[in-house]
Protein backbone atom coordinates (compact mmCIF):
# COMPACT_ATOMS: atom_id res chain seq x y z
CA UNK A 1 41.61 18.60 25.07
CA UNK A 2 38.86 16.65 23.25
CA UNK A 3 37.07 18.31 20.34
CA UNK A 4 33.97 20.12 21.70
CA UNK A 5 31.64 18.84 18.97
CA UNK A 6 32.59 15.21 19.60
CA UNK A 7 32.32 15.74 23.38
CA UNK A 8 28.78 17.13 23.08
CA UNK A 9 27.45 14.22 21.05
CA UNK A 10 29.57 11.36 22.35
CA UNK A 11 26.57 9.35 23.62
CA UNK A 12 24.97 9.48 20.19
CA UNK A 13 28.18 8.25 18.58
CA UNK A 14 28.56 5.51 21.20
CA UNK A 15 25.01 4.32 20.51
CA UNK A 16 25.78 4.14 16.79
CA UNK A 17 28.88 2.09 17.55
CA UNK A 18 26.81 -0.24 19.73
CA UNK A 19 24.31 -0.85 16.93
CA UNK A 20 27.17 -1.63 14.56
CA UNK A 21 28.64 -4.11 17.05
CA UNK A 22 25.30 -5.92 17.28
CA UNK A 23 24.97 -5.99 13.48
CA UNK A 24 28.45 -7.47 13.12
CA UNK A 25 27.54 -10.22 15.58
CA UNK A 26 24.43 -11.13 13.59
CA UNK A 27 25.86 -10.54 10.12
CA UNK A 28 29.65 -11.01 10.25
CA UNK A 29 30.08 -10.60 6.49
CA UNK A 30 27.73 -7.65 5.99
CA UNK A 31 28.93 -4.11 5.34
CA UNK A 32 25.45 -2.68 5.94
CA UNK A 33 26.28 -0.62 9.02
CA UNK A 34 26.25 2.96 10.22
CA UNK A 35 29.13 4.60 8.37
CA UNK A 36 30.23 7.82 10.06
CA UNK A 37 32.32 10.34 8.15
CA UNK A 38 33.76 13.27 10.09
CA UNK A 39 33.67 16.30 7.79
CA UNK A 40 35.33 19.65 8.41
CA UNK A 41 36.44 22.60 6.34
CA UNK A 42 39.53 22.88 8.53
CA UNK A 43 42.97 22.04 7.23
CA UNK A 44 44.51 18.61 7.60
CA UNK A 45 46.63 19.83 10.53
CA UNK A 46 43.60 19.52 12.84
CA UNK A 47 43.44 15.81 12.06
CA UNK A 48 45.67 14.90 14.99
CA UNK A 49 43.33 16.61 17.45
CA UNK A 50 40.32 14.87 15.93
CA UNK A 51 42.06 11.50 16.14
CA UNK A 52 42.96 12.16 19.78
CA UNK A 53 39.34 13.05 20.56
CA UNK A 54 38.04 9.90 18.89
CA UNK A 55 40.56 7.75 20.75
CA UNK A 56 39.75 9.52 24.04
CA UNK A 57 36.14 8.33 23.80
CA UNK A 58 37.03 4.95 22.27
CA UNK A 59 34.99 5.65 19.14
CA UNK A 60 35.36 3.97 15.77
CA UNK A 61 35.37 6.67 13.10
CA UNK A 62 37.68 5.73 10.28
CA UNK A 63 36.82 8.28 7.60
CA UNK A 64 37.65 11.98 7.69
CA UNK A 65 37.04 14.66 5.09
CA UNK A 66 39.14 17.80 5.75
CA UNK A 67 38.64 20.31 2.97
CA UNK A 68 41.15 23.04 3.87
CA UNK A 69 38.73 25.95 3.93
CA UNK A 70 36.35 24.74 1.22
CA UNK A 71 32.77 23.76 1.94
CA UNK A 72 32.42 19.99 2.41
CA UNK A 73 28.89 19.97 0.97
CA UNK A 74 30.10 18.99 -2.49
CA UNK A 75 31.42 15.71 -1.09
CA UNK A 76 28.14 14.59 0.50
CA UNK A 77 26.68 12.91 -2.57
CA UNK A 78 29.98 11.16 -3.25
CA UNK A 79 29.76 9.66 0.24
CA UNK A 80 26.13 8.56 -0.45
CA UNK A 81 25.10 10.55 2.60
CA UNK A 82 21.79 9.64 4.29
CA UNK A 83 22.11 12.38 6.91
CA UNK A 84 24.39 15.38 7.32
CA UNK A 85 24.66 16.98 10.76
CA UNK A 86 26.49 20.21 11.47
CA UNK A 87 26.52 23.14 13.88
CA UNK A 88 26.79 25.43 10.85
CA UNK A 89 23.28 26.37 9.75
CA UNK A 90 24.43 27.76 6.41
CA UNK A 91 26.07 24.49 5.42
CA UNK A 92 22.96 22.60 6.50
CA UNK A 93 20.81 24.86 4.34
CA UNK A 94 23.16 24.25 1.43
CA UNK A 95 22.84 20.49 1.91
CA UNK A 96 19.02 20.67 2.09
CA UNK A 97 18.97 22.63 -1.16
CA UNK A 98 21.07 19.86 -2.73
CA UNK A 99 18.39 17.35 -1.72
CA UNK A 100 20.39 15.83 1.13
CA UNK A 101 18.82 15.14 4.52
CA UNK A 102 20.47 17.58 6.91
CA UNK A 103 19.96 19.34 10.23
CA UNK A 104 21.68 21.85 12.48
CA UNK A 105 22.78 20.28 15.77
CA UNK A 106 22.21 21.94 19.14
CA UNK A 107 23.69 20.52 22.32
CA UNK A 108 21.35 20.14 25.29
CA UNK A 109 21.11 22.95 27.83
CA UNK A 110 22.02 22.92 31.51
CA UNK A 111 19.84 19.86 32.16
CA UNK A 112 21.58 16.66 31.06
CA UNK A 113 19.52 13.54 30.43
CA UNK A 114 21.13 10.14 30.85
CA UNK A 115 21.20 8.52 27.43
CA UNK A 116 21.51 4.87 26.55
CA UNK A 117 24.82 3.73 25.11
CA UNK A 118 23.31 0.49 23.81
CA UNK A 119 20.05 1.56 22.13
CA UNK A 120 19.87 4.36 19.56
CA UNK A 121 16.72 6.46 20.01
CA UNK A 122 15.75 8.88 17.25
CA UNK A 123 12.72 11.20 17.45
CA UNK A 124 11.18 13.00 14.48
CA UNK A 125 8.64 15.73 14.04
CA UNK A 126 6.23 15.00 11.20
CA UNK A 127 5.34 17.94 8.96
CA UNK A 128 8.30 19.54 7.16
CA UNK A 129 10.60 16.83 8.55
CA UNK A 130 9.40 13.34 7.58
CA UNK A 131 6.62 14.77 5.43
CA UNK A 132 6.40 17.82 3.20
CA UNK A 133 5.11 21.13 4.53
CA UNK A 134 1.89 21.02 2.47
CA UNK A 135 -0.30 20.76 5.56
CA UNK A 136 1.59 23.49 7.42
CA UNK A 137 1.05 25.79 4.45
CA UNK A 138 -2.70 25.33 4.84
CA UNK A 139 -2.51 26.09 8.57
CA UNK A 140 -0.52 29.27 7.93
CA UNK A 141 -2.68 30.48 5.05
CA UNK A 142 -6.16 29.35 6.07
CA UNK A 143 -6.15 28.43 9.77
CA UNK A 144 -6.69 25.29 11.81
CA UNK A 145 -10.33 24.68 10.91
CA UNK A 146 -9.52 24.51 7.21
CA UNK A 147 -6.51 22.33 8.00
CA UNK A 148 -8.67 19.81 9.90
CA UNK A 149 -11.18 19.71 7.03
CA UNK A 150 -8.38 19.26 4.51
CA UNK A 151 -6.74 16.42 6.42
CA UNK A 152 -10.07 14.63 6.78
CA UNK A 153 -10.85 15.01 3.08
CA UNK A 154 -7.42 13.78 2.02
CA UNK A 155 -6.95 11.22 4.78
CA UNK A 156 -6.28 8.45 2.27
CA UNK A 157 -3.92 10.49 0.11
CA UNK A 158 -0.31 10.05 1.28
CA UNK A 159 1.59 13.18 2.17
CA UNK A 160 4.57 14.03 0.00
CA UNK A 161 7.93 13.12 1.46
CA UNK A 162 9.93 15.54 3.57
CA UNK A 163 13.69 16.03 3.83
CA UNK A 164 14.33 13.31 6.45
CA UNK A 165 12.18 10.53 5.03
CA UNK A 166 15.28 8.92 3.53
CA UNK A 167 16.97 8.80 6.95
CA UNK A 168 13.95 7.06 8.50
CA UNK A 169 14.12 4.61 5.58
CA UNK A 170 17.79 3.92 6.33
CA UNK A 171 17.01 3.31 10.01
CA UNK A 172 14.13 1.03 9.06
CA UNK A 173 16.37 -0.99 6.78
CA UNK A 174 18.76 -1.66 9.66
CA UNK A 175 15.89 -2.42 12.04
CA UNK A 176 14.58 -5.08 9.66
CA UNK A 177 17.94 -6.85 9.83
CA UNK A 178 17.32 -7.36 13.55
CA UNK A 179 13.71 -8.37 12.97
CA UNK A 180 14.90 -11.03 10.52
CA UNK A 181 16.87 -12.60 13.38
CA UNK A 182 13.82 -12.57 15.70
CA UNK A 183 15.19 -9.59 17.63
CA UNK A 184 12.31 -7.17 17.22
CA UNK A 185 11.85 -6.78 20.97
CA UNK A 186 15.56 -6.26 21.58
CA UNK A 187 16.29 -4.15 18.51
CA UNK A 188 18.90 -1.50 19.42
CA UNK A 189 17.22 1.13 17.21
CA UNK A 190 14.01 2.81 18.32
CA UNK A 191 12.17 5.51 16.36
CA UNK A 192 9.57 8.01 17.57
CA UNK A 193 7.15 10.38 15.88
CA UNK A 194 6.59 13.42 18.12
CA UNK A 195 4.10 15.71 16.41
CA UNK A 196 1.93 18.67 17.36
CA UNK A 197 -0.92 17.15 15.35
CA UNK A 198 -4.03 15.86 17.07
CA UNK A 199 -4.59 12.13 16.76
CA UNK A 200 -8.35 12.35 16.28
CA UNK A 201 -8.51 15.21 13.78
CA UNK A 202 -5.34 14.85 11.72
CA UNK A 203 -3.39 11.80 12.89
CA UNK A 204 -4.80 9.18 10.55
CA UNK A 205 -3.28 10.70 7.43
CA UNK A 206 0.19 10.63 8.98
CA UNK A 207 -0.04 6.97 9.96
CA UNK A 208 -1.52 5.98 6.60
CA UNK A 209 1.27 7.85 4.82
CA UNK A 210 3.92 5.90 6.71
CA UNK A 211 2.10 2.66 5.91
CA UNK A 212 1.93 3.56 2.21
CA UNK A 213 5.70 4.10 2.25
CA UNK A 214 6.25 0.71 3.85
CA UNK A 215 7.80 2.35 6.90
CA UNK A 216 7.23 1.67 10.57
CA UNK A 217 7.61 4.00 13.52
CA UNK A 218 8.02 2.39 16.94
CA UNK A 219 6.10 4.99 18.93
CA UNK A 220 3.83 7.82 17.76
CA UNK A 221 3.02 10.70 20.10
CA UNK A 222 0.29 13.11 18.99
CA UNK A 223 0.49 16.10 21.32
CA UNK A 224 -2.34 18.28 19.95
CA UNK A 225 -0.26 21.41 20.43
CA UNK A 226 1.16 20.56 23.86
CA UNK A 227 4.88 21.26 24.51
CA UNK A 228 7.23 18.58 23.23
CA UNK A 229 10.02 19.10 25.76
CA UNK A 230 8.52 17.11 28.69
CA UNK A 231 7.70 14.10 26.49
CA UNK A 232 11.17 14.17 24.97
CA UNK A 233 12.68 14.31 28.44
CA UNK A 234 10.82 11.08 29.19
CA UNK A 235 11.84 9.40 25.91
CA UNK A 236 15.47 10.55 26.17
CA UNK A 237 16.28 10.34 22.45
CA UNK A 238 19.84 10.71 21.26
CA UNK A 239 18.57 13.26 18.78
CA UNK A 240 15.27 14.98 18.00
CA UNK A 241 14.53 16.56 14.61
CA UNK A 242 12.10 19.48 14.19
CA UNK A 243 11.61 22.32 11.72
CA UNK A 244 10.42 24.84 14.34
CA UNK A 245 13.02 26.56 16.49
CA UNK A 246 10.67 27.00 19.45
CA UNK A 247 10.34 23.22 19.67
CA UNK A 248 14.13 22.93 19.41
CA UNK A 249 14.54 25.44 22.26
CA UNK A 250 11.95 23.66 24.39
CA UNK A 251 13.72 20.36 23.87
CA UNK A 252 17.14 21.82 24.68
CA UNK A 253 15.92 23.40 27.91
CA UNK A 254 14.92 19.97 29.22
CA UNK A 255 18.13 18.23 28.22
CA UNK A 256 17.41 16.85 24.74
CA UNK A 257 19.94 17.09 21.92
CA UNK A 258 17.92 18.67 19.13
CA UNK A 259 18.52 19.23 15.43
CA UNK A 260 16.81 21.93 13.39
CA UNK A 261 15.67 21.02 9.88
CA UNK A 262 15.59 24.27 7.85
CA UNK A 263 12.80 23.29 5.51
CA UNK A 264 9.28 24.41 4.75
CA UNK A 265 7.01 27.37 5.31
CA UNK A 266 8.36 27.86 8.83
CA UNK A 267 11.67 29.05 7.42
CA UNK A 268 12.24 32.65 6.40
CA UNK A 269 13.69 31.81 2.99
CA UNK A 270 10.69 29.64 2.15
CA UNK A 271 8.18 32.28 3.25
CA UNK A 272 9.73 34.73 0.81
CA UNK A 273 9.35 32.25 -2.04
CA UNK A 274 5.82 31.39 -1.00
CA UNK A 275 4.71 35.03 -1.01
CA UNK A 276 5.54 35.18 -4.71
CA UNK A 277 3.27 32.23 -5.50
CA UNK A 278 -0.55 32.13 -5.72
CA UNK A 279 -2.27 30.54 -2.74
CA UNK A 280 -2.80 26.81 -3.10
CA UNK A 281 -6.33 25.48 -3.43
CA UNK A 282 -7.16 23.63 -0.22
CA UNK A 283 -9.53 21.24 -1.95
């Protein structure tokens, strides 16, 4: 029987393989590809089952890390990890605290969206995911009106980076390899910003921040507080990253594979730390 984790996310893995195949066609001698490492704290005896699962779905995953009961987090930096995904929230938290981009994976609910096997679609929330949680702190402490004033005042000051900025950078680096071959319109990687921010009152700072980083996003959706699930159902991303569990749940209910990023003021552990600090000046 195939491994349940691999079964749940097989379309995402197939899309990664498809991008790699396209890159090899364009750059036969390049090693700049998606490099997937399957990590588990199980013992090596489970390796046969993992290999059978990978072969069942015709996937190309060459590297395993089976730690025999020990946490695999210590190996992440050695693997130069750009993104760590797990169903174990504690391990994800441990990775985040080590400065590694990480998220807890949740399979989609009863609704199942048809996903592309040839184009990788990745959707990101903004605050506390691509960007720091500095703006969310202002919302929580001082309310929306102060937040809107703050974002207008600091529109030209880039936001600090969040935990998944480095993963967007890695995706952008691969996208540019396709652009260099005049394949911008047929690039097999597509990125989305799906944020609760309003475009008119707080969207400019986000877009200017991305520009200051030298990063592009293919599509930006400013929802002004509207539910994200229906838009994600239309986009059909292979994975959607958000720091708020209610957005994760809303995405799951409508068939989107979602990944929770345990970072920022929205997380219990961070609230406890924040309560010990003086309130930040909003000016």
